[in-house]
Amino acid sequence: MDLHQILKKAYEMDASDVHLIAGQVPVCRIHQVMTPMEFPVLSKEAARKFVEQMTQAESLQTFEKMKDSDFSYEIPGLARYRVNAHMQKNAPAMAMRMIKTKVPPLANLNLPEVIARLTYLPRGLVLVTGDTGSGKSTTLAAMIQAMNQRYSKHIITLEDPVEYTFNSDKCIIEQRELGQDMPTFASGLKHALRQDPDIILVGEMRDLETTALAISAAETGHLVLSTLHTVNASQTVERIIDMYPHGQQNQIRSMLSNTLQAVVSQTLFRRTDRPGMVPAVETLLCTPAVRNLIREARTFEIPNVIETSRAIGMSSLDSSIAELYFNGMISREDAIAQAAYPDKLERQLAA
């Protein structure tokens, strides 16, 4: 069995993920549905061979020692993959997230127009949030590419691993990978501030040190883009504040209220009008009213501000879901299942 044949077939099937597990046939995820592929059962020996074929020496050593390893893999001209190799039932297995090599234009992602406006910001912190597989990386890549085509600036990305690869257009772009080019996000970010950047992409604000450095970078005049695994804007703000010890939370509320520019929270849906996926998006823009709520620990009022600020581009998750449903793009069942307030949305859809 040939690894490239499996991945090429998965690409042709428009799969987002490929799972190679010893003792099972290869399986891919197509529009959120796990779909067996027409290949033989993968033997333990073949699975081991695939791991060795994809990994560099350092990642293979990590796999041998820890029984888990994260790395990237690329088939030139086809796609890049974010890979986790691990052991299960004493045999190798791989979960591979497919990242197509061409960065899609923002206009092709069915995102609100206000997100394109965020690429004109000169400084501050912009967060794109959502569950795993919600399209955060694609949105950020499209934003970076839009700036790459417009500005003559210096962009540094810190990723785990590098997903979309960029060619420097008008910007100079450097891409650093966790484990290969830097030991931690915090270390990469600390040193990035001495590398004359204008725009910094931090793959994930996953700990206090990285979060503090990202906020400081935004505070000192850089545009910082990053992600969190949160499902809405108010939860995102609270998650950041809760990272800090209680005695520092008032200070970080003040800093965050000054630096945060926007929170974009995404949820992906299967389309009903044609094959594919479409995002519902909650968008928070940091107006003076929002900054006051953050500063005064009244983040529970953020949803109300979003609902009353649609004219300037804000949108709640449920409003975005309802719009997708009324446009015939998603099913009623999916809409209600993923709503923030299912009962309220159900009444709205029935009206």
Protein backbone atom coordinates (compact mmCIF):
# COMPACT_ATOMS: atom_id res chain seq x y z
CA MET A 1 0.00 0.00 0.00
CA ASP A 2 1.40 3.40 -1.00
CA LEU A 3 1.04 6.41 1.32
CA HIS A 4 0.92 8.93 -1.52
CA GLN A 5 -1.87 7.01 -3.27
CA ILE A 6 -3.99 7.15 -0.11
CA LEU A 7 -3.40 10.87 0.39
CA LYS A 8 -3.98 11.68 -3.27
CA LYS A 9 -7.32 9.83 -3.18
CA ALA A 10 -8.28 11.64 0.04
CA TYR A 11 -7.46 14.95 -1.65
CA GLU A 12 -9.66 14.07 -4.61
CA MET A 13 -12.49 13.18 -2.18
CA ASP A 14 -12.14 16.65 -0.57
CA ALA A 15 -11.27 15.14 2.80
CA SER A 16 -10.26 17.36 5.70
CA ASP A 17 -8.61 14.56 7.71
CA VAL A 18 -7.10 11.14 7.05
CA HIS A 19 -6.83 8.40 9.71
CA LEU A 20 -4.34 5.56 9.19
CA ILE A 21 -4.73 2.94 11.94
CA ALA A 22 -3.09 -0.47 11.96
CA GLY A 23 -5.73 -3.18 11.67
CA GLN A 24 -8.26 -0.98 9.87
CA VAL A 25 -8.81 0.35 6.37
CA PRO A 26 -7.78 3.99 5.84
CA VAL A 27 -10.60 6.38 6.78
CA CYS A 28 -11.05 10.04 5.87
CA ARG A 29 -13.35 12.76 7.18
CA ILE A 30 -15.43 14.39 4.43
CA HIS A 31 -17.59 17.33 5.52
CA GLN A 32 -17.54 16.00 9.11
CA VAL A 33 -18.51 12.42 8.15
CA MET A 34 -16.00 9.57 8.71
CA THR A 35 -15.78 7.71 5.38
CA PRO A 36 -13.92 4.39 4.85
CA MET A 37 -11.63 4.40 1.80
CA GLU A 38 -11.34 1.62 -0.77
CA PHE A 39 -7.94 0.37 0.32
CA PRO A 40 -6.88 -2.85 2.10
CA VAL A 41 -6.60 -3.11 5.87
CA LEU A 42 -3.41 -1.40 7.05
CA SER A 43 -0.94 -3.81 8.60
CA LYS A 44 1.15 -2.97 11.66
CA GLU A 45 4.28 -3.09 9.51
CA ALA A 46 2.82 -0.75 6.87
CA ALA A 47 1.69 1.73 9.54
CA ARG A 48 5.19 1.73 11.02
CA LYS A 49 6.67 2.29 7.56
CA PHE A 50 4.37 5.27 6.98
CA VAL A 51 5.49 6.87 10.25
CA GLU A 52 9.15 6.44 9.30
CA GLN A 53 8.44 7.79 5.80
CA MET A 54 6.86 11.00 7.11
CA THR A 55 9.03 11.87 10.09
CA GLN A 56 12.42 13.45 10.42
CA ALA A 57 14.89 11.93 12.88
CA GLU A 58 13.93 14.21 15.78
CA SER A 59 10.19 13.58 15.42
CA LEU A 60 10.82 9.83 15.13
CA GLN A 61 12.86 9.90 18.34
CA THR A 62 9.99 11.72 20.07
CA PHE A 63 7.56 9.10 18.78
CA GLU A 64 9.76 6.25 20.05
CA LYS A 65 10.13 7.82 23.48
CA MET A 66 6.73 9.42 24.11
CA LYS A 67 4.53 7.19 21.89
CA ASP A 68 3.15 10.44 20.42
CA SER A 69 4.64 12.97 18.01
CA ASP A 70 3.29 16.05 16.21
CA PHE A 71 4.88 17.16 12.95
CA SER A 72 4.12 18.41 9.46
CA TYR A 73 4.39 16.53 6.19
CA GLU A 74 4.17 17.76 2.63
CA ILE A 75 3.58 16.23 -0.77
CA PRO A 76 4.81 18.93 -3.18
CA GLY A 77 2.09 20.08 -5.53
CA LEU A 78 -0.66 18.37 -3.54
CA ALA A 79 -1.02 19.39 0.11
CA ARG A 80 0.59 19.81 3.50
CA TYR A 81 -0.51 17.80 6.51
CA ARG A 82 -0.55 18.42 10.24
CA VAL A 83 0.18 14.95 11.60
CA ASN A 84 -0.10 13.25 14.96
CA ALA A 85 1.53 9.82 15.08
CA HIS A 86 0.66 7.75 18.13
CA MET A 87 0.35 4.22 19.44
CA GLN A 88 -2.93 2.36 19.99
CA LYS A 89 -3.28 -1.34 20.80
CA ASN A 90 0.52 -1.49 20.66
CA ALA A 91 0.52 -0.51 16.98
CA PRO A 92 1.13 2.80 15.14
CA ALA A 93 -1.69 5.10 14.04
CA MET A 94 -1.80 8.53 12.42
CA ALA A 95 -4.30 11.37 12.34
CA MET A 96 -3.56 13.75 9.47
CA ARG A 97 -5.20 17.15 8.99
CA MET A 98 -5.00 18.20 5.34
CA ILE A 99 -3.93 21.77 4.59
CA LYS A 100 -4.16 22.66 0.94
CA THR A 101 -1.07 24.46 -0.28
CA LYS A 102 -2.88 27.40 -1.85
CA VAL A 103 -4.14 29.99 0.62
CA PRO A 104 -7.78 30.76 -0.26
CA PRO A 105 -8.77 34.43 -0.70
CA LEU A 106 -10.81 35.88 2.16
CA ALA A 107 -13.62 36.56 -0.31
CA ASN A 108 -13.99 32.80 -0.95
CA LEU A 109 -14.49 31.77 2.69
CA ASN A 110 -18.07 33.00 3.25
CA LEU A 111 -16.87 35.19 6.10
CA PRO A 112 -18.41 38.53 7.14
CA GLU A 113 -17.01 41.54 5.30
CA VAL A 114 -15.84 43.03 8.60
CA ILE A 115 -13.08 40.40 8.83
CA ALA A 116 -11.44 41.82 5.71
CA ARG A 117 -11.49 45.21 7.45
CA LEU A 118 -9.46 43.76 10.31
CA THR A 119 -6.51 43.28 7.95
CA TYR A 120 -6.19 47.08 7.77
CA LEU A 121 -5.55 47.43 11.52
CA PRO A 122 -2.14 48.97 12.29
CA ARG A 123 -1.77 47.42 15.76
CA GLY A 124 -3.55 45.50 18.50
CA LEU A 125 -4.68 41.95 19.22
CA VAL A 126 -7.07 40.01 16.95
CA LEU A 127 -8.24 36.58 18.10
CA VAL A 128 -9.84 33.89 15.93
CA THR A 129 -11.46 31.25 18.12
CA GLY A 130 -13.47 28.06 17.82
CA ASP A 131 -13.34 24.31 18.28
CA THR A 132 -10.67 22.17 16.65
CA GLY A 133 -11.42 21.95 12.92
CA SER A 134 -13.52 25.11 12.84
CA GLY A 135 -11.37 26.79 10.17
CA LYS A 136 -9.32 29.11 12.41
CA SER A 137 -6.04 28.42 10.60
CA THR A 138 -7.60 29.00 7.19
CA THR A 139 -9.11 32.33 8.25
CA LEU A 140 -5.80 33.52 9.70
CA ALA A 141 -3.87 32.39 6.64
CA ALA A 142 -6.26 34.27 4.36
CA MET A 143 -5.86 37.40 6.50
CA ILE A 144 -2.05 37.12 6.38
CA GLN A 145 -2.16 36.63 2.61
CA ALA A 146 -4.37 39.71 2.17
CA MET A 147 -1.81 41.80 4.07
CA ASN A 148 1.04 40.15 2.15
CA GLN A 149 -0.49 41.38 -1.11
CA ARG A 150 -1.13 44.91 0.17
CA TYR A 151 1.68 46.03 2.45
CA SER A 152 5.46 46.19 2.48
CA LYS A 153 5.87 44.90 6.02
CA HIS A 154 7.62 42.17 8.02
CA ILE A 155 5.42 39.25 9.10
CA ILE A 156 6.58 36.52 11.50
CA THR A 157 4.46 33.42 12.11
CA LEU A 158 4.98 31.06 15.07
CA GLU A 159 3.17 27.78 14.40
CA ASP A 160 2.77 24.20 15.63
CA PRO A 161 3.40 22.98 13.01
CA VAL A 162 3.65 25.33 10.02
CA GLU A 163 0.46 24.79 8.04
CA TYR A 164 -0.08 27.05 5.03
CA THR A 165 3.22 28.15 3.52
CA PHE A 166 3.52 31.70 2.24
CA ASN A 167 5.60 33.20 -0.52
CA SER A 168 6.78 36.70 0.30
CA ASP A 169 4.85 39.03 -2.01
CA LYS A 170 5.05 42.64 -0.90
CA CYS A 171 5.80 41.57 2.67
CA ILE A 172 8.78 39.69 4.02
CA ILE A 173 7.37 36.56 5.72
CA GLU A 174 9.24 34.28 8.11
CA GLN A 175 7.59 31.09 9.38
CA ARG A 176 8.92 29.38 12.50
CA GLU A 177 7.81 25.92 13.60
CA LEU A 178 7.55 24.75 17.20
CA GLY A 179 10.21 22.17 18.01
CA GLN A 180 12.10 22.75 14.79
CA ASP A 181 12.80 26.50 14.81
CA MET A 182 11.92 27.40 18.43
CA PRO A 183 11.49 25.46 21.70
CA THR A 184 8.22 27.12 22.83
CA PHE A 185 5.71 29.71 21.61
CA ALA A 186 6.79 31.99 24.45
CA SER A 187 10.46 31.77 23.47
CA GLY A 188 9.68 32.36 19.79
CA LEU A 189 7.47 35.34 20.62
CA LYS A 190 9.99 36.88 23.03
CA HIS A 191 12.72 36.75 20.40
CA ALA A 192 10.37 37.79 17.59
CA LEU A 193 10.01 41.17 19.27
CA ARG A 194 13.73 41.72 18.59
CA GLN A 195 13.41 40.76 14.92
CA ASP A 196 11.78 43.99 13.71
CA PRO A 197 8.28 42.59 13.00
CA ASP A 198 5.18 44.57 12.07
CA ILE A 199 2.73 41.64 12.22
CA ILE A 200 3.05 38.52 14.38
CA LEU A 201 0.93 35.37 14.08
CA VAL A 202 1.00 33.18 17.20
CA GLY A 203 -0.47 29.76 16.46
CA GLU A 204 -2.15 29.48 19.86
CA MET A 205 -2.17 31.41 23.14
CA ARG A 206 -1.98 28.20 25.14
CA ASP A 207 -0.32 29.36 28.37
CA LEU A 208 0.11 32.42 30.57
CA GLU A 209 3.60 33.33 29.38
CA THR A 210 2.65 33.26 25.70
CA THR A 211 -0.56 35.19 26.39
CA ALA A 212 1.26 37.87 28.39
CA LEU A 213 3.88 38.30 25.67
CA ALA A 214 1.22 38.51 22.95
CA ILE A 215 -0.65 41.23 24.82
CA SER A 216 2.61 43.10 25.47
CA ALA A 217 3.51 42.87 21.77
CA ALA A 218 0.12 44.32 20.82
CA GLU A 219 0.56 47.01 23.47
CA THR A 220 3.91 48.09 21.99
CA GLY A 221 2.52 48.75 18.52
CA HIS A 222 2.49 45.39 16.72
CA LEU A 223 -0.50 43.71 15.09
CA VAL A 224 -0.78 40.29 16.76
CA LEU A 225 -3.06 37.52 15.45
CA SER A 226 -3.69 34.37 17.46
CA THR A 227 -6.20 31.64 18.34
CA LEU A 228 -7.95 30.21 21.38
CA HIS A 229 -10.19 27.15 21.73
CA THR A 230 -13.19 29.12 22.94
CA VAL A 231 -16.66 29.20 21.39
CA ASN A 232 -17.70 32.83 21.76
CA ALA A 233 -16.38 36.33 22.39
CA SER A 234 -17.26 36.73 26.07
CA GLN A 235 -15.81 33.31 26.93
CA THR A 236 -12.62 34.29 25.08
CA VAL A 237 -12.14 37.41 27.19
CA GLU A 238 -12.81 35.49 30.41
CA ARG A 239 -10.44 32.67 29.43
CA ILE A 240 -7.58 35.14 28.99
CA ILE A 241 -8.28 36.89 32.29
CA ASP A 242 -8.64 33.58 34.15
CA MET A 243 -5.11 32.59 33.07
CA TYR A 244 -3.74 35.22 35.44
CA PRO A 245 -3.47 35.00 39.24
CA HIS A 246 -6.37 36.70 41.01
CA GLY A 247 -4.22 39.62 42.14
CA GLN A 248 -3.25 40.50 38.57
CA GLN A 249 -6.68 40.24 36.97
CA ASN A 250 -7.63 43.91 37.29
CA GLN A 251 -4.38 44.89 35.63
CA ILE A 252 -4.85 42.46 32.75
CA ARG A 253 -8.44 43.64 32.26
CA SER A 254 -7.07 47.14 31.76
CA MET A 255 -4.33 45.97 29.37
CA LEU A 256 -6.70 43.75 27.40
CA SER A 257 -9.30 46.51 27.10
CA ASN A 258 -6.63 48.72 25.50
CA THR A 259 -5.09 46.16 23.14
CA LEU A 260 -7.90 43.81 22.02
CA GLN A 261 -9.30 44.86 18.64
CA ALA A 262 -11.62 41.99 17.72
CA VAL A 263 -12.69 38.44 18.50
CA VAL A 264 -13.90 36.24 15.65
CA SER A 265 -15.50 32.95 16.80
CA GLN A 266 -16.19 30.32 14.14
CA THR A 267 -18.35 27.19 13.95
CA LEU A 268 -18.39 25.07 10.78
CA PHE A 269 -21.56 23.57 9.28
CA ARG A 270 -22.17 21.05 6.52
CA ARG A 271 -23.81 22.77 3.59
CA THR A 272 -27.16 21.50 2.35
CA ASP A 273 -27.22 23.44 -0.92
CA ARG A 274 -24.00 21.87 -2.27
CA PRO A 275 -21.06 19.79 -1.01
CA GLY A 276 -18.79 21.64 1.37
CA MET A 277 -18.67 23.49 4.66
CA VAL A 278 -19.68 27.00 5.65
CA PRO A 279 -18.83 28.96 8.82
CA ALA A 280 -21.19 30.68 11.22
CA VAL A 281 -19.27 33.55 12.76
CA GLU A 282 -19.67 35.58 15.93
CA THR A 283 -17.84 38.89 15.61
CA LEU A 284 -16.95 41.23 18.45
CA LEU A 285 -15.37 44.60 17.65
CA CYS A 286 -13.79 46.47 20.55
CA THR A 287 -15.70 49.71 20.61
CA PRO A 288 -15.39 52.10 23.61
CA ALA A 289 -18.46 50.42 25.13
CA VAL A 290 -16.86 46.97 24.88
CA ARG A 291 -13.58 48.25 26.32
CA ASN A 292 -15.48 49.59 29.34
CA LEU A 293 -17.18 46.23 29.88
CA ILE A 294 -13.82 44.43 29.84
CA ARG A 295 -12.24 46.98 32.18
CA GLU A 296 -15.16 46.88 34.63
CA ALA A 297 -15.46 43.04 34.71
CA ARG A 298 -18.88 43.12 33.02
CA THR A 299 -18.08 40.72 30.19
CA PHE A 300 -21.45 39.00 30.73
CA GLU A 301 -22.95 42.06 28.99
CA ILE A 302 -20.89 41.56 25.80
CA PRO A 303 -23.61 39.45 24.05
CA ASN A 304 -26.07 42.35 24.46
CA VAL A 305 -23.60 44.80 22.92
CA ILE A 306 -23.05 42.45 19.98
CA GLU A 307 -26.81 42.18 19.37
CA THR A 308 -27.27 45.96 19.36
CA SER A 309 -24.21 46.73 17.20
CA ARG A 310 -25.01 44.93 13.96
CA ALA A 311 -24.82 48.20 12.01
CA ILE A 312 -21.05 48.37 12.53
CA GLY A 313 -20.41 44.73 11.67
CA MET A 314 -20.87 42.84 14.93
CA SER A 315 -22.83 39.60 14.84
CA SER A 316 -23.80 36.96 17.39
CA LEU A 317 -23.31 33.28 16.63
CA ASP A 318 -27.05 32.60 16.57
CA SER A 319 -27.72 35.52 14.21
CA SER A 320 -25.07 34.15 11.84
CA ILE A 321 -26.56 30.64 12.08
CA ALA A 322 -30.05 31.98 11.37
CA GLU A 323 -28.78 33.84 8.30
CA LEU A 324 -27.18 30.66 6.95
CA TYR A 325 -30.43 28.76 7.51
CA PHE A 326 -32.65 31.37 5.86
CA ASN A 327 -30.25 31.46 2.90
CA GLY A 328 -30.79 27.71 2.44
CA MET A 329 -27.19 26.79 3.25
CA ILE A 330 -27.60 24.63 6.39
CA SER A 331 -30.25 22.35 7.87
CA ARG A 332 -32.65 23.33 10.62
CA GLU A 333 -31.43 20.43 12.77
CA ASP A 334 -27.77 21.47 12.54
CA ALA A 335 -28.67 25.10 13.16
CA ILE A 336 -30.48 24.35 16.41
CA ALA A 337 -27.93 21.75 17.56
CA GLN A 338 -25.02 24.20 17.44
CA ALA A 339 -26.82 27.35 18.58
CA ALA A 340 -25.76 29.19 21.72
CA TYR A 341 -29.45 29.49 22.71
CA PRO A 342 -31.24 26.59 20.96
CA ASP A 343 -34.77 27.31 22.26
CA LYS A 344 -34.60 30.96 21.26
CA LEU A 345 -33.22 30.14 17.81
CA GLU A 346 -35.85 27.47 17.27
CA ARG A 347 -38.60 30.03 17.86
CA GLN A 348 -36.84 32.45 15.52
CA LEU A 349 -36.58 29.87 12.73
CA ALA A 350 -40.25 28.97 13.14
CA ALA A 351 -41.42 32.58 12.87
